[in-house]
Amino acid sequence: MILSALSCGLASVESDLIHGTMAAVGLG
């Protein structure tokens, strides 16, 4: 599990991704 989490983190920062953001919204 911890190696999977590390893999997810490394893939996230090392991949060519757009400059993105998330937001919480008070609507369903």
PDB file of all heavy atoms in Angstrom:
ATOM      1  N   MET A   1       0.822  -1.208   0.000  1.00  0.00           N
ATOM      2  CA  MET A   1       0.000   0.000   0.000  1.00  0.00           C
ATOM      3  C   MET A   1       0.855   1.255   0.000  1.00  0.00           C
ATOM      4  O   MET A   1       0.601   2.187  -0.765  1.00  0.00           O
ATOM      5  CB  MET A   1      -0.942   0.015   1.202  1.00  0.00           C
ATOM      6  CG  MET A   1      -1.832   1.257   1.184  1.00  0.00           C
ATOM      7  SD  MET A   1      -2.861   1.381   2.633  1.00  0.00           S
ATOM      8  CE  MET A   1      -3.307   3.112   2.570  1.00  0.00           C
ATOM      9  N   ILE A   2       1.875   1.295   0.843  1.00  0.00           N
ATOM     10  CA  ILE A   2       2.690   2.511   0.921  1.00  0.00           C
ATOM     11  C   ILE A   2       3.493   2.698  -0.365  1.00  0.00           C
ATOM     12  O   ILE A   2       3.692   3.831  -0.819  1.00  0.00           O
ATOM     13  CB  ILE A   2       3.586   2.518   2.191  1.00  0.00           C
ATOM     14  CG1 ILE A   2       3.979   3.954   2.570  1.00  0.00           C
ATOM     15  CG2 ILE A   2       4.826   1.680   2.040  1.00  0.00           C
ATOM     16  CD1 ILE A   2       2.872   4.770   3.149  1.00  0.00           C
ATOM     17  N   LEU A   3       3.911   1.609  -1.001  1.00  0.00           N
ATOM     18  CA  LEU A   3       4.607   1.727  -2.286  1.00  0.00           C
ATOM     19  C   LEU A   3       3.656   2.191  -3.392  1.00  0.00           C
ATOM     20  O   LEU A   3       4.058   2.937  -4.288  1.00  0.00           O
ATOM     21  CB  LEU A   3       5.261   0.403  -2.670  1.00  0.00           C
ATOM     22  CG  LEU A   3       6.526   0.033  -1.905  1.00  0.00           C
ATOM     23  CD1 LEU A   3       7.007  -1.361  -2.302  1.00  0.00           C
ATOM     24  CD2 LEU A   3       7.626   1.063  -2.151  1.00  0.00           C
ATOM     25  N   SER A   4       2.410   1.772  -3.322  1.00  0.00           N
ATOM     26  CA  SER A   4       1.413   2.244  -4.284  1.00  0.00           C
ATOM     27  C   SER A   4       1.172   3.735  -4.118  1.00  0.00           C
ATOM     28  O   SER A   4       1.065   4.477  -5.102  1.00  0.00           O
ATOM     29  CB  SER A   4       0.094   1.492  -4.110  1.00  0.00           C
ATOM     30  OG  SER A   4       0.251   0.136  -4.431  1.00  0.00           O
ATOM     31  N   ALA A   5       1.089   4.183  -2.871  1.00  0.00           N
ATOM     32  CA  ALA A   5       0.905   5.610  -2.609  1.00  0.00           C
ATOM     33  C   ALA A   5       2.101   6.411  -3.116  1.00  0.00           C
ATOM     34  O   ALA A   5       1.944   7.474  -3.731  1.00  0.00           O
ATOM     35  CB  ALA A   5       0.694   5.845  -1.113  1.00  0.00           C
ATOM     36  N   LEU A   6       3.294   5.891  -2.880  1.00  0.00           N
ATOM     37  CA  LEU A   6       4.496   6.556  -3.393  1.00  0.00           C
ATOM     38  C   LEU A   6       4.463   6.609  -4.915  1.00  0.00           C
ATOM     39  O   LEU A   6       4.784   7.638  -5.518  1.00  0.00           O
ATOM     40  CB  LEU A   6       5.750   5.822  -2.907  1.00  0.00           C
ATOM     41  CG  LEU A   6       7.089   6.358  -3.415  1.00  0.00           C
ATOM     42  CD1 LEU A   6       7.295   7.818  -3.023  1.00  0.00           C
ATOM     43  CD2 LEU A   6       8.238   5.489  -2.891  1.00  0.00           C
ATOM     44  N   SER A   7       4.060   5.513  -5.542  1.00  0.00           N
ATOM     45  CA  SER A   7       3.967   5.466  -7.003  1.00  0.00           C
ATOM     46  C   SER A   7       3.004   6.524  -7.530  1.00  0.00           C
ATOM     47  O   SER A   7       3.291   7.205  -8.520  1.00  0.00           O
ATOM     48  CB  SER A   7       3.511   4.081  -7.464  1.00  0.00           C
ATOM     49  OG  SER A   7       4.450   3.092  -7.106  1.00  0.00           O
ATOM     50  N   CYS A   8       1.864   6.668  -6.863  1.00  0.00           N
ATOM     51  CA  CYS A   8       0.878   7.687  -7.267  1.00  0.00           C
ATOM     52  C   CYS A   8       1.458   9.092  -7.150  1.00  0.00           C
ATOM     53  O   CYS A   8       1.281   9.928  -8.044  1.00  0.00           O
ATOM     54  CB  CYS A   8      -0.379   7.584  -6.406  1.00  0.00           C
ATOM     55  SG  CYS A   8      -1.378   6.119  -6.699  1.00  0.00           S
ATOM     56  N   GLY A   9       2.144   9.347  -6.048  1.00  0.00           N
ATOM     57  CA  GLY A   9       2.735  10.663  -5.847  1.00  0.00           C
ATOM     58  C   GLY A   9       3.806  10.983  -6.868  1.00  0.00           C
ATOM     59  O   GLY A   9       3.827  12.070  -7.452  1.00  0.00           O
ATOM     60  N   LEU A  10       4.699  10.019  -7.089  1.00  0.00           N
ATOM     61  CA  LEU A  10       5.779  10.233  -8.058  1.00  0.00           C
ATOM     62  C   LEU A  10       5.219  10.440  -9.463  1.00  0.00           C
ATOM     63  O   LEU A  10       5.661  11.333 -10.200  1.00  0.00           O
ATOM     64  CB  LEU A  10       6.743   9.052  -8.041  1.00  0.00           C
ATOM     65  CG  LEU A  10       7.608   8.917  -6.779  1.00  0.00           C
ATOM     66  CD1 LEU A  10       8.331   7.575  -6.775  1.00  0.00           C
ATOM     67  CD2 LEU A  10       8.606  10.064  -6.675  1.00  0.00           C
ATOM     68  N   ALA A  11       4.244   9.628  -9.848  1.00  0.00           N
ATOM     69  CA  ALA A  11       3.647   9.770 -11.182  1.00  0.00           C
ATOM     70  C   ALA A  11       2.982  11.128 -11.338  1.00  0.00           C
ATOM     71  O   ALA A  11       3.034  11.738 -12.411  1.00  0.00           O
ATOM     72  CB  ALA A  11       2.639   8.649 -11.430  1.00  0.00           C
ATOM     73  N   SER A  12       2.371  11.625 -10.273  1.00  0.00           N
ATOM     74  CA  SER A  12       1.693  12.917 -10.323  1.00  0.00           C
ATOM     75  C   SER A  12       2.657  14.068 -10.569  1.00  0.00           C
ATOM     76  O   SER A  12       2.372  14.960 -11.357  1.00  0.00           O
ATOM     77  CB  SER A  12       0.923  13.170  -9.023  1.00  0.00           C
ATOM     78  OG  SER A  12      -0.078  12.205  -8.832  1.00  0.00           O
ATOM     79  N   VAL A  13       3.794  14.034  -9.896  1.00  0.00           N
ATOM     80  CA  VAL A  13       4.724  15.168 -10.022  1.00  0.00           C
ATOM     81  C   VAL A  13       5.661  15.043 -11.221  1.00  0.00           C
ATOM     82  O   VAL A  13       6.190  16.050 -11.694  1.00  0.00           O
ATOM     83  CB  VAL A  13       5.547  15.387  -8.731  1.00  0.00           C
ATOM     84  CG1 VAL A  13       4.637  15.702  -7.558  1.00  0.00           C
ATOM     85  CG2 VAL A  13       6.437  14.208  -8.407  1.00  0.00           C
ATOM     86  N   GLU A  14       5.848  13.840 -11.719  1.00  0.00           N
ATOM     87  CA  GLU A  14       6.792  13.648 -12.819  1.00  0.00           C
ATOM     88  C   GLU A  14       6.142  13.663 -14.200  1.00  0.00           C
ATOM     89  O   GLU A  14       6.838  13.680 -15.210  1.00  0.00           O
ATOM     90  CB  GLU A  14       7.553  12.329 -12.631  1.00  0.00           C
ATOM     91  CG  GLU A  14       8.474  12.346 -11.430  1.00  0.00           C
ATOM     92  CD  GLU A  14       9.167  11.010 -11.193  1.00  0.00           C
ATOM     93  OE1 GLU A  14       8.981  10.082 -12.014  1.00  0.00           O
ATOM     94  OE2 GLU A  14       9.865  10.893 -10.174  1.00  0.00           O
ATOM     95  N   SER A  15       4.825  13.665 -14.255  1.00  0.00           N
ATOM     96  CA  SER A  15       4.127  13.651 -15.543  1.00  0.00           C
ATOM     97  C   SER A  15       3.869  15.073 -16.025  1.00  0.00           C
ATOM     98  O   SER A  15       3.811  16.020 -15.242  1.00  0.00           O
ATOM     99  CB  SER A  15       2.804  12.894 -15.418  1.00  0.00           C
ATOM    100  OG  SER A  15       3.046  11.555 -15.049  1.00  0.00           O
ATOM    101  N   ASP A  16       3.697  15.209 -17.325  1.00  0.00           N
ATOM    102  CA  ASP A  16       3.440  16.506 -17.935  1.00  0.00           C
ATOM    103  C   ASP A  16       1.942  16.795 -17.852  1.00  0.00           C
ATOM    104  O   ASP A  16       1.166  16.388 -18.719  1.00  0.00           O
ATOM    105  CB  ASP A  16       3.915  16.505 -19.395  1.00  0.00           C
ATOM    106  CG  ASP A  16       3.813  17.873 -20.039  1.00  0.00           C
ATOM    107  OD1 ASP A  16       3.723  18.874 -19.289  1.00  0.00           O
ATOM    108  OD2 ASP A  16       3.793  17.942 -21.282  1.00  0.00           O
ATOM    109  N   LEU A  17       1.538  17.490 -16.788  1.00  0.00           N
ATOM    110  CA  LEU A  17       0.132  17.765 -16.537  1.00  0.00           C
ATOM    111  C   LEU A  17      -0.141  19.263 -16.640  1.00  0.00           C
ATOM    112  O   LEU A  17       0.760  20.077 -16.453  1.00  0.00           O
ATOM    113  CB  LEU A  17      -0.255  17.283 -15.133  1.00  0.00           C
ATOM    114  CG  LEU A  17       0.029  15.814 -14.802  1.00  0.00           C
ATOM    115  CD1 LEU A  17      -0.269  15.541 -13.332  1.00  0.00           C
ATOM    116  CD2 LEU A  17      -0.782  14.897 -15.699  1.00  0.00           C
ATOM    117  N   ILE A  18      -1.392  19.607 -16.909  1.00  0.00           N
ATOM    118  CA  ILE A  18      -1.761  21.022 -16.929  1.00  0.00           C
ATOM    119  C   ILE A  18      -1.640  21.593 -15.520  1.00  0.00           C
ATOM    120  O   ILE A  18      -1.624  20.854 -14.533  1.00  0.00           O
ATOM    121  CB  ILE A  18      -3.206  21.219 -17.438  1.00  0.00           C
ATOM    122  CG1 ILE A  18      -4.214  20.600 -16.444  1.00  0.00           C
ATOM    123  CG2 ILE A  18      -3.381  20.678 -18.848  1.00  0.00           C
ATOM    124  CD1 ILE A  18      -5.607  21.166 -16.552  1.00  0.00           C
ATOM    125  N   HIS A  19      -1.582  22.914 -15.415  1.00  0.00           N
ATOM    126  CA  HIS A  19      -1.631  23.578 -14.113  1.00  0.00           C
ATOM    127  C   HIS A  19      -3.079  23.513 -13.662  1.00  0.00           C
ATOM    128  O   HIS A  19      -3.941  24.194 -14.209  1.00  0.00           O
ATOM    129  CB  HIS A  19      -1.160  25.026 -14.227  1.00  0.00           C
ATOM    130  CG  HIS A  19      -0.849  25.666 -12.916  1.00  0.00           C
ATOM    131  ND1 HIS A  19      -1.823  26.092 -12.047  1.00  0.00           N
ATOM    132  CD2 HIS A  19       0.337  25.915 -12.325  1.00  0.00           C
ATOM    133  CE1 HIS A  19      -1.253  26.606 -10.973  1.00  0.00           C
ATOM    134  NE2 HIS A  19       0.070  26.511 -11.114  1.00  0.00           N
ATOM    135  N   GLY A  20      -3.355  22.646 -12.705  1.00  0.00           N
ATOM    136  CA  GLY A  20      -4.735  22.388 -12.323  1.00  0.00           C
ATOM    137  C   GLY A  20      -5.054  22.755 -10.897  1.00  0.00           C
ATOM    138  O   GLY A  20      -4.167  22.973 -10.066  1.00  0.00           O
ATOM    139  N   THR A  21      -6.339  22.788 -10.608  1.00  0.00           N
ATOM    140  CA  THR A  21      -6.837  23.138  -9.283  1.00  0.00           C
ATOM    141  C   THR A  21      -8.121  22.368  -9.032  1.00  0.00           C
ATOM    142  O   THR A  21      -8.807  21.975  -9.976  1.00  0.00           O
ATOM    143  CB  THR A  21      -7.112  24.661  -9.192  1.00  0.00           C
ATOM    144  OG1 THR A  21      -5.909  25.373  -9.467  1.00  0.00           O
ATOM    145  CG2 THR A  21      -7.611  25.076  -7.815  1.00  0.00           C
ATOM    146  N   MET A  22      -8.432  22.194  -7.764  1.00  0.00           N
ATOM    147  CA  MET A  22      -9.712  21.596  -7.374  1.00  0.00           C
ATOM    148  C   MET A  22     -10.417  22.574  -6.438  1.00  0.00           C
ATOM    149  O   MET A  22      -9.775  23.440  -5.832  1.00  0.00           O
ATOM    150  CB  MET A  22      -9.484  20.249  -6.685  1.00  0.00           C
ATOM    151  CG  MET A  22      -8.838  19.214  -7.577  1.00  0.00           C
ATOM    152  SD  MET A  22      -8.592  17.609  -6.771  1.00  0.00           S
ATOM    153  CE  MET A  22     -10.280  16.966  -6.805  1.00  0.00           C
ATOM    154  N   ALA A  23     -11.725  22.433  -6.342  1.00  0.00           N
ATOM    155  CA  ALA A  23     -12.493  23.307  -5.451  1.00  0.00           C
ATOM    156  C   ALA A  23     -13.678  22.545  -4.873  1.00  0.00           C
ATOM    157  O   ALA A  23     -14.271  21.698  -5.543  1.00  0.00           O
ATOM    158  CB  ALA A  23     -12.985  24.544  -6.203  1.00  0.00           C
ATOM    159  N   ALA A  24     -13.990  22.872  -3.634  1.00  0.00           N
ATOM    160  CA  ALA A  24     -15.188  22.334  -2.980  1.00  0.00           C
ATOM    161  C   ALA A  24     -16.348  23.264  -3.302  1.00  0.00           C
ATOM    162  O   ALA A  24     -16.204  24.484  -3.274  1.00  0.00           O
ATOM    163  CB  ALA A  24     -14.973  22.263  -1.471  1.00  0.00           C
ATOM    164  N   VAL A  25     -17.505  22.678  -3.638  1.00  0.00           N
ATOM    165  CA  VAL A  25     -18.684  23.456  -4.017  1.00  0.00           C
ATOM    166  C   VAL A  25     -19.890  22.959  -3.228  1.00  0.00           C
ATOM    167  O   VAL A  25     -20.092  21.750  -3.085  1.00  0.00           O
ATOM    168  CB  VAL A  25     -18.959  23.320  -5.541  1.00  0.00           C
ATOM    169  CG1 VAL A  25     -20.214  24.099  -5.929  1.00  0.00           C
ATOM    170  CG2 VAL A  25     -17.765  23.790  -6.356  1.00  0.00           C
ATOM    171  N   GLY A  26     -20.683  23.891  -2.739  1.00  0.00           N
ATOM    172  CA  GLY A  26     -21.864  23.549  -1.948  1.00  0.00           C
ATOM    173  C   GLY A  26     -23.083  23.228  -2.783  1.00  0.00           C
ATOM    174  O   GLY A  26     -24.181  23.738  -2.520  1.00  0.00           O
ATOM    175  N   LEU A  27     -22.898  22.390  -3.793  1.00  0.00           N
ATOM    176  CA  LEU A  27     -23.995  21.915  -4.632  1.00  0.00           C
ATOM    177  C   LEU A  27     -23.768  20.440  -4.926  1.00  0.00           C
ATOM    178  O   LEU A  27     -22.629  20.003  -5.065  1.00  0.00           O
ATOM    179  CB  LEU A  27     -24.049  22.663  -5.971  1.00  0.00           C
ATOM    180  CG  LEU A  27     -24.435  24.135  -5.968  1.00  0.00           C
ATOM    181  CD1 LEU A  27     -24.253  24.720  -7.365  1.00  0.00           C
ATOM    182  CD2 LEU A  27     -25.863  24.322  -5.498  1.00  0.00           C
ATOM    183  N   GLY A  28     -24.841  19.688  -5.064  1.00  0.00           N
ATOM    184  CA  GLY A  28     -24.725  18.296  -5.445  1.00  0.00           C
ATOM    185  C   GLY A  28     -24.500  18.162  -6.939  1.00  0.00           C
ATOM    186  O   GLY A  28     -24.717  19.105  -7.712  1.00  0.00           O
TER     187      GLY A  28
END
